[in-house]
Amino acid sequence: MNITGLIRKEFGRIKSDKRTLILLFFIPFILILIFGLTTGGGPTAFFNAAIISRDEISCKGDFSSDSDEYDQIFISIVENNCSAFGLYKSFNSTNELEYNYSIEACKELLKNELIDVFIVLPANFSESVKNEVDPVLIYYVDGSDLNAVNSIEVAIQEPIALFRIETDLLTNFTTMAPYMEFDVPFWESQILNYAIPILLSMIIIGTTMNLTSLSIVAEGPLPRMLLTPAAKNEVIASKLIAYSVIMVLQSTEIFVMTAFFGLYCLGSLFDFYLSLIVIGFCGISMGLFISAISTTEQAANQLYIMMFIIITLFSGQFISLAPEIRPIIYFLPLSHATPLITEITLKGFSINLKYVLSLGLISLIFISLAYIAYRFKKVEV
């Protein structure tokens, strides 16, 4: 047989493999179509802000006269005219006691993710505007999200520009971010620690899914096992338990390795370790589902790859999804796994039961679907 005949034979074999052709052409078409219809013209960012004004504090010693007429203009612009900012709350501090209270209140709002940034207008704000001295704008931002840090740094220019237009101000603003809440200190391994929440979530879910995606479909003695008194639910349970033990060992390895390379964790290390196990269990459940519905090892591998791509792309971590599709991400594990680790390591929270229960519910759904699919699966002996 010459090369032409071999090529025709290969095309014939490929043509007969309908499942591969569907996954190869149909799935990318669907994913790109969904992205095109739901992500709009590009990512958008909107930030909730709080503003602390110290403008009513006297600055007569530094300027010829006191003034407090411009802080409300800036607050009004943030509240009513900005496309990138919305005003959550404003505080008027006339002395140090009120200012300290406002700072603590804003830090609490930032910690609970009710706001993304809080801005401080200093005591000499209106005086600086009136005397055409560069006004200073101080803002504090949640440093646990580097994308938000960079976005806010750009977005803060919008209210500044609108304020300058409103007041005919020709001088420039000076913006200051004295420190960021929940950022990784510069003496720690910043690249590693900022990447840990999404990196570990993807590694654990991806590897545990891969671990169990062939556990049913690739097991040769399984048909003969069903001739014994072992029921199908016992087969599923035995695999779930056995692979969970392996997953716990993997989580231990990941925990030790991240600690060795400089894990920065404000919260409890036990909570961090427990979160790794919860995330891993979710991956095992999804892998069992893949294996239960697959007829061949090739099909299982293809489904694993496609499901992992969907989980990653639609996790909400890499692109900004349109509001219409955002509810979908709550059915995917990364949307709960990543913030679960972020809150423990970078914000010092205890383990968030909302994320744990969500991951547990996803696991339960996939285990149930795996059992149902396996129960009605025809197995040749």
Protein backbone atom coordinates (compact mmCIF):
# COMPACT_ATOMS: atom_id res chain seq x y z
CA MET A 1 0.00 0.00 0.00
CA ASN A 2 1.45 3.35 -1.03
CA ILE A 3 1.36 6.58 0.96
CA THR A 4 -1.83 7.72 -0.77
CA GLY A 5 -3.64 4.61 0.33
CA LEU A 6 -2.42 5.03 3.91
CA ILE A 7 -3.65 8.61 3.96
CA ARG A 8 -7.08 7.51 2.67
CA LYS A 9 -7.18 4.81 5.33
CA GLU A 10 -6.41 7.33 8.10
CA PHE A 11 -9.10 9.71 6.87
CA GLY A 12 -11.54 6.82 6.86
CA ARG A 13 -10.66 5.92 10.43
CA ILE A 14 -10.98 9.54 11.55
CA LYS A 15 -14.32 9.87 9.76
CA SER A 16 -15.66 6.82 11.57
CA ASP A 17 -14.73 8.28 14.97
CA LYS A 18 -17.78 10.54 15.32
CA ARG A 19 -17.18 11.29 19.02
CA THR A 20 -13.71 12.72 18.36
CA LEU A 21 -14.94 14.82 15.47
CA ILE A 22 -17.75 16.26 17.59
CA LEU A 23 -15.38 17.17 20.42
CA LEU A 24 -12.84 18.55 17.97
CA PHE A 25 -15.15 20.88 16.06
CA PHE A 26 -18.43 21.29 17.94
CA ILE A 27 -17.13 22.06 21.44
CA PRO A 28 -14.76 24.91 20.37
CA PHE A 29 -17.57 26.36 18.25
CA ILE A 30 -19.94 26.36 21.24
CA LEU A 31 -17.35 27.85 23.62
CA ILE A 32 -16.39 30.68 21.26
CA LEU A 33 -20.06 31.34 20.51
CA ILE A 34 -20.83 31.61 24.24
CA PHE A 35 -17.87 33.93 24.78
CA GLY A 36 -18.86 36.08 21.84
CA LEU A 37 -22.43 36.47 23.04
CA THR A 38 -21.75 36.98 26.72
CA THR A 39 -18.48 38.83 27.24
CA GLY A 40 -19.45 41.97 25.33
CA GLY A 41 -16.86 44.35 23.94
CA GLY A 42 -14.29 43.68 26.63
CA PRO A 43 -13.79 43.62 30.37
CA THR A 44 -15.35 46.37 32.43
CA ALA A 45 -14.51 47.36 35.97
CA PHE A 46 -16.74 49.04 38.50
CA PHE A 47 -15.59 49.79 42.02
CA ASN A 48 -17.52 50.60 45.15
CA ALA A 49 -15.79 53.35 47.08
CA ALA A 50 -16.04 55.04 50.45
CA ILE A 51 -14.73 58.57 50.99
CA ILE A 52 -13.40 60.12 54.18
CA SER A 53 -13.31 63.91 54.13
CA ARG A 54 -11.07 65.77 56.58
CA ASP A 55 -11.64 69.02 54.72
CA GLU A 56 -13.40 70.78 57.62
CA ILE A 57 -10.29 70.59 59.79
CA SER A 58 -8.69 74.02 59.99
CA CYS A 59 -5.57 74.69 57.88
CA LYS A 60 -5.43 78.47 58.37
CA GLY A 61 -1.82 78.33 59.53
CA ASP A 62 -0.67 77.01 56.17
CA PHE A 63 -3.05 79.02 53.96
CA SER A 64 -4.40 82.54 54.02
CA SER A 65 -7.94 81.37 54.78
CA ASP A 66 -9.90 78.22 55.58
CA SER A 67 -12.10 76.60 52.95
CA ASP A 68 -14.23 73.46 52.77
CA GLU A 69 -16.25 74.01 49.64
CA TYR A 70 -14.68 71.49 47.28
CA ASP A 71 -14.85 68.16 49.10
CA GLN A 72 -18.60 67.81 48.52
CA ILE A 73 -18.08 68.48 44.82
CA PHE A 74 -15.61 65.59 44.61
CA ILE A 75 -17.92 63.30 46.62
CA SER A 76 -20.85 64.20 44.38
CA ILE A 77 -18.82 63.39 41.25
CA VAL A 78 -17.89 59.96 42.56
CA GLU A 79 -21.51 59.32 43.56
CA ASN A 80 -23.29 60.57 40.44
CA ASN A 81 -20.96 61.09 37.49
CA CYS A 82 -18.43 58.26 37.40
CA SER A 83 -18.72 55.19 35.21
CA ALA A 84 -15.96 53.35 37.10
CA PHE A 85 -16.92 54.24 40.67
CA GLY A 86 -19.97 54.15 42.88
CA LEU A 87 -20.16 55.75 46.31
CA TYR A 88 -20.99 53.26 49.03
CA LYS A 89 -20.64 55.65 51.98
CA SER A 90 -18.99 58.95 52.89
CA PHE A 91 -17.57 60.05 56.24
CA ASN A 92 -17.02 63.61 57.45
CA SER A 93 -14.20 63.79 59.99
CA THR A 94 -13.73 67.08 61.84
CA ASN A 95 -11.18 65.82 64.37
CA GLU A 96 -8.70 62.99 64.89
CA LEU A 97 -11.14 60.86 66.90
CA GLU A 98 -13.71 60.90 64.09
CA TYR A 99 -10.97 60.24 61.54
CA ASN A 100 -9.67 57.19 63.41
CA TYR A 101 -13.22 55.84 63.66
CA SER A 102 -13.77 56.40 59.92
CA ILE A 103 -10.51 54.65 59.04
CA GLU A 104 -11.43 51.58 61.08
CA ALA A 105 -14.95 51.54 59.62
CA CYS A 106 -13.57 51.68 56.07
CA LYS A 107 -11.03 48.95 56.78
CA GLU A 108 -13.88 46.73 57.96
CA LEU A 109 -15.89 47.50 54.81
CA LEU A 110 -12.82 46.67 52.72
CA LYS A 111 -12.21 43.44 54.59
CA ASN A 112 -15.81 42.31 54.10
CA GLU A 113 -15.61 43.23 50.38
CA LEU A 114 -18.41 45.78 50.62
CA ILE A 115 -16.07 48.33 49.07
CA ASP A 116 -13.04 47.99 46.80
CA VAL A 117 -11.28 51.22 47.78
CA PHE A 118 -11.62 54.08 50.22
CA ILE A 119 -10.40 57.57 49.46
CA VAL A 120 -9.21 60.16 51.98
CA LEU A 121 -9.53 63.86 51.21
CA PRO A 122 -6.91 65.54 53.45
CA ALA A 123 -7.49 68.55 55.70
CA ASN A 124 -6.03 70.95 53.16
CA PHE A 125 -8.01 69.64 50.17
CA SER A 126 -10.20 72.69 49.47
CA GLU A 127 -7.43 75.11 50.42
CA SER A 128 -5.10 73.43 47.91
CA VAL A 129 -7.71 73.68 45.16
CA LYS A 130 -8.49 77.31 45.96
CA ASN A 131 -4.82 78.33 46.06
CA GLU A 132 -3.97 76.27 42.98
CA VAL A 133 -1.55 74.06 44.87
CA ASP A 134 -1.44 70.42 43.78
CA PRO A 135 -4.21 68.70 45.81
CA VAL A 136 -3.36 65.35 47.37
CA LEU A 137 -5.65 62.33 47.07
CA ILE A 138 -4.97 59.34 49.32
CA TYR A 139 -6.57 55.97 48.59
CA TYR A 140 -6.42 52.56 50.22
CA VAL A 141 -7.16 49.47 48.14
CA ASP A 142 -7.48 45.73 48.69
CA GLY A 143 -4.02 44.47 47.72
CA SER A 144 -5.05 40.80 47.58
CA ASP A 145 -6.23 41.31 43.99
CA LEU A 146 -3.42 42.64 41.81
CA ASN A 147 -5.75 43.13 38.85
CA ALA A 148 -7.98 45.37 40.98
CA VAL A 149 -4.96 47.31 42.22
CA ASN A 150 -3.84 48.10 38.69
CA SER A 151 -7.39 48.84 37.51
CA ILE A 152 -8.12 51.24 40.37
CA GLU A 153 -4.84 53.02 39.75
CA VAL A 154 -6.12 53.83 36.25
CA ALA A 155 -9.80 54.31 37.17
CA ILE A 156 -9.02 56.90 39.87
CA GLN A 157 -8.08 59.29 37.09
CA GLU A 158 -11.73 59.55 36.00
CA PRO A 159 -13.13 61.38 39.07
CA ILE A 160 -9.96 63.50 39.16
CA ALA A 161 -10.48 64.58 35.54
CA LEU A 162 -14.19 65.31 36.10
CA PHE A 163 -13.35 67.31 39.24
CA ARG A 164 -10.77 69.38 37.39
CA ILE A 165 -13.32 70.16 34.69
CA GLU A 166 -15.97 71.07 37.26
CA THR A 167 -13.65 73.41 39.18
CA ASP A 168 -11.55 74.73 36.27
CA LEU A 169 -8.51 73.40 38.07
CA LEU A 170 -5.31 73.61 36.04
CA THR A 171 -2.90 72.05 38.54
CA ASN A 172 -2.35 68.33 38.77
CA PHE A 173 -3.45 65.96 41.51
CA THR A 174 -0.98 63.99 43.56
CA THR A 175 -2.28 60.49 44.30
CA MET A 176 -0.86 58.48 47.17
CA ALA A 177 -1.40 54.87 48.23
CA PRO A 178 0.51 54.72 51.52
CA TYR A 179 -0.12 51.00 51.87
CA MET A 180 -2.55 48.43 50.58
CA GLU A 181 -4.79 46.31 52.73
CA PHE A 182 -4.12 42.55 52.50
CA ASP A 183 -1.14 42.80 50.17
CA VAL A 184 1.81 40.43 50.34
CA PRO A 185 4.78 42.17 52.04
CA PHE A 186 7.68 42.93 49.70
CA TRP A 187 10.04 40.73 51.72
CA GLU A 188 7.85 37.68 51.08
CA SER A 189 7.67 35.70 47.82
CA GLN A 190 5.11 37.98 46.18
CA ILE A 191 4.81 36.23 42.80
CA LEU A 192 4.20 32.86 44.43
CA ASN A 193 1.78 34.09 47.06
CA TYR A 194 -0.35 36.17 44.71
CA ALA A 195 -0.58 33.19 42.36
CA ILE A 196 -1.27 30.58 45.05
CA PRO A 197 -5.11 30.86 45.19
CA ILE A 198 -5.73 30.31 41.48
CA LEU A 199 -2.63 28.16 40.91
CA LEU A 200 -3.35 25.66 43.67
CA SER A 201 -7.05 25.50 42.82
CA MET A 202 -6.29 24.64 39.19
CA ILE A 203 -3.56 22.13 40.10
CA ILE A 204 -5.68 20.29 42.66
CA ILE A 205 -8.89 20.16 40.63
CA GLY A 206 -7.03 19.28 37.41
CA THR A 207 -4.90 16.50 38.89
CA THR A 208 -7.67 14.92 40.97
CA MET A 209 -10.05 14.94 38.00
CA ASN A 210 -7.35 13.28 35.92
CA LEU A 211 -6.68 10.79 38.72
CA THR A 212 -10.24 9.44 38.70
CA SER A 213 -11.37 10.09 35.11
CA LEU A 214 -10.16 6.60 34.09
CA SER A 215 -10.95 4.83 37.35
CA ILE A 216 -14.11 3.13 36.05
CA VAL A 217 -13.80 3.00 32.29
CA ALA A 218 -10.22 1.67 32.28
CA GLU A 219 -10.62 -1.07 34.90
CA GLY A 220 -10.48 -4.46 33.21
CA PRO A 221 -11.64 -6.70 36.10
CA LEU A 222 -14.64 -4.45 36.81
CA PRO A 223 -17.19 -6.45 34.79
CA ARG A 224 -16.19 -9.62 36.62
CA MET A 225 -16.37 -7.79 39.94
CA LEU A 226 -20.07 -7.19 39.36
CA LEU A 227 -20.63 -10.96 39.30
CA THR A 228 -19.69 -10.97 42.99
CA PRO A 229 -22.02 -9.72 45.77
CA ALA A 230 -20.47 -6.22 45.37
CA ALA A 231 -23.17 -3.74 44.38
CA LYS A 232 -22.55 -0.83 42.03
CA ASN A 233 -22.94 1.71 44.81
CA GLU A 234 -20.25 -0.16 46.76
CA VAL A 235 -17.93 -0.03 43.76
CA ILE A 236 -18.42 3.75 43.49
CA ALA A 237 -17.97 4.20 47.26
CA SER A 238 -14.79 2.12 47.32
CA LYS A 239 -13.26 4.19 44.54
CA LEU A 240 -14.31 7.43 46.22
CA ILE A 241 -12.68 6.41 49.50
CA ALA A 242 -9.49 5.03 47.96
CA TYR A 243 -8.87 8.02 45.72
CA SER A 244 -9.74 10.41 48.56
CA VAL A 245 -6.89 8.92 50.59
CA ILE A 246 -4.52 9.54 47.67
CA MET A 247 -5.87 13.09 47.37
CA VAL A 248 -5.19 13.79 51.07
CA LEU A 249 -1.59 12.69 50.55
CA GLN A 250 -1.36 15.01 47.54
CA SER A 251 -2.80 17.91 49.57
CA THR A 252 -0.22 17.25 52.26
CA GLU A 253 2.56 17.36 49.68
CA ILE A 254 1.24 20.65 48.25
CA PHE A 255 0.93 22.13 51.74
CA VAL A 256 4.51 21.20 52.64
CA MET A 257 5.95 22.41 49.32
CA THR A 258 4.21 25.79 49.43
CA ALA A 259 5.37 26.27 53.02
CA PHE A 260 8.93 25.38 52.00
CA PHE A 261 8.93 28.01 49.22
CA GLY A 262 7.59 30.79 51.44
CA LEU A 263 3.83 30.53 51.92
CA TYR A 264 2.43 33.80 53.28
CA CYS A 265 -0.71 32.97 55.23
CA LEU A 266 -2.48 35.47 57.50
CA GLY A 267 -5.11 32.91 58.48
CA SER A 268 -4.96 29.49 60.07
CA LEU A 269 -2.65 26.96 58.41
CA PHE A 270 -5.10 24.23 59.39
CA ASP A 271 -7.89 26.07 57.56
CA PHE A 272 -5.61 26.37 54.53
CA TYR A 273 -4.84 22.63 54.62
CA LEU A 274 -8.51 21.77 55.06
CA SER A 275 -9.46 23.94 52.09
CA LEU A 276 -7.03 21.99 49.88
CA ILE A 277 -8.76 18.74 50.86
CA VAL A 278 -12.25 20.14 50.19
CA ILE A 279 -11.16 21.35 46.74
CA GLY A 280 -9.50 18.01 45.98
CA PHE A 281 -12.62 16.06 46.92
CA CYS A 282 -14.58 18.13 44.43
CA GLY A 283 -12.11 17.23 41.69
CA ILE A 284 -12.35 13.52 42.52
CA SER A 285 -16.16 13.65 42.28
CA MET A 286 -16.02 15.29 38.87
CA GLY A 287 -13.47 12.74 37.66
CA LEU A 288 -15.70 9.85 38.75
CA PHE A 289 -18.57 11.38 36.81
CA ILE A 290 -16.43 11.61 33.67
CA SER A 291 -15.34 7.99 34.04
CA ALA A 292 -18.89 6.78 34.67
CA ILE A 293 -20.35 8.32 31.53
CA SER A 294 -17.42 7.45 29.23
CA THR A 295 -17.39 4.32 27.07
CA THR A 296 -13.68 4.33 26.24
CA GLU A 297 -10.47 5.66 27.75
CA GLN A 298 -10.08 8.01 24.79
CA ALA A 299 -13.54 9.46 25.38
CA ALA A 300 -12.76 9.90 29.08
CA ASN A 301 -9.54 11.76 28.32
CA GLN A 302 -11.30 14.01 25.82
CA LEU A 303 -14.12 14.80 28.24
CA TYR A 304 -11.61 15.53 30.99
CA ILE A 305 -9.73 18.02 28.82
CA MET A 306 -12.89 19.77 27.66
CA MET A 307 -14.39 19.94 31.15
CA PHE A 308 -11.17 21.34 32.60
CA ILE A 309 -11.06 24.01 29.86
CA ILE A 310 -14.66 24.98 30.63
CA ILE A 311 -14.01 25.08 34.38
CA THR A 312 -10.95 27.30 33.86
CA LEU A 313 -12.30 29.71 31.27
CA PHE A 314 -15.67 30.22 32.93
CA SER A 315 -14.30 30.49 36.46
CA GLY A 316 -14.50 34.30 36.39
CA GLN A 317 -10.80 34.55 37.27
CA PHE A 318 -9.33 35.37 33.85
CA ILE A 319 -11.99 37.32 31.98
CA SER A 320 -14.85 39.57 33.01
CA LEU A 321 -18.10 37.82 32.09
CA ALA A 322 -21.30 39.63 31.23
CA PRO A 323 -23.92 39.78 34.03
CA GLU A 324 -26.21 37.41 32.11
CA ILE A 325 -23.73 34.55 32.33
CA ARG A 326 -22.16 35.21 35.71
CA PRO A 327 -24.59 32.86 37.55
CA ILE A 328 -23.02 30.00 35.58
CA ILE A 329 -19.69 30.42 37.34
CA TYR A 330 -21.29 29.58 40.69
CA PHE A 331 -21.81 26.03 39.42
CA LEU A 332 -18.07 25.67 38.71
CA PRO A 333 -15.59 24.82 41.49
CA LEU A 334 -12.91 27.42 40.74
CA SER A 335 -15.34 30.26 41.51
CA HIS A 336 -15.48 28.98 45.10
CA ALA A 337 -12.01 27.43 45.48
CA THR A 338 -10.00 30.52 44.55
CA PRO A 339 -11.71 33.00 46.92
CA LEU A 340 -11.68 30.35 49.66
CA ILE A 341 -7.87 30.20 49.59
CA THR A 342 -7.54 33.96 49.03
CA GLU A 343 -9.53 34.82 52.15
CA ILE A 344 -7.44 32.49 54.31
CA THR A 345 -3.97 33.30 53.00
CA LEU A 346 -4.19 37.01 52.13
CA LYS A 347 -7.02 38.33 54.31
CA GLY A 348 -6.63 36.23 57.45
CA PHE A 349 -10.24 35.01 57.51
CA SER A 350 -11.25 31.70 58.98
CA ILE A 351 -12.50 29.09 56.53
CA ASN A 352 -15.62 30.39 54.77
CA LEU A 353 -18.46 27.90 55.19
CA LYS A 354 -20.30 29.38 52.22
CA TYR A 355 -17.53 28.31 49.84
CA VAL A 356 -17.05 24.97 51.60
CA LEU A 357 -20.76 24.15 51.36
CA SER A 358 -20.82 25.23 47.71
CA LEU A 359 -17.90 22.93 46.89
CA GLY A 360 -19.55 20.17 48.90
CA LEU A 361 -22.79 20.61 46.97
CA ILE A 362 -20.95 20.45 43.63
CA SER A 363 -19.21 17.27 44.83
CA LEU A 364 -22.50 15.71 45.91
CA ILE A 365 -24.13 16.51 42.56
CA PHE A 366 -21.32 14.91 40.55
CA ILE A 367 -21.13 11.85 42.82
CA SER A 368 -24.89 11.35 42.45
CA LEU A 369 -24.68 11.76 38.67
CA ALA A 370 -21.76 9.30 38.55
CA TYR A 371 -23.75 6.73 40.50
CA ILE A 372 -26.84 7.17 38.34
CA ALA A 373 -24.81 6.92 35.12
CA TYR A 374 -22.94 3.86 36.37
CA ARG A 375 -26.08 2.16 37.62
CA PHE A 376 -27.63 2.22 34.18
CA LYS A 377 -24.40 1.58 32.34
CA LYS A 378 -24.24 -1.65 30.40
CA VAL A 379 -21.07 -3.57 31.18
CA GLU A 380 -20.00 -6.48 29.07
CA VAL A 381 -18.53 -9.47 30.95
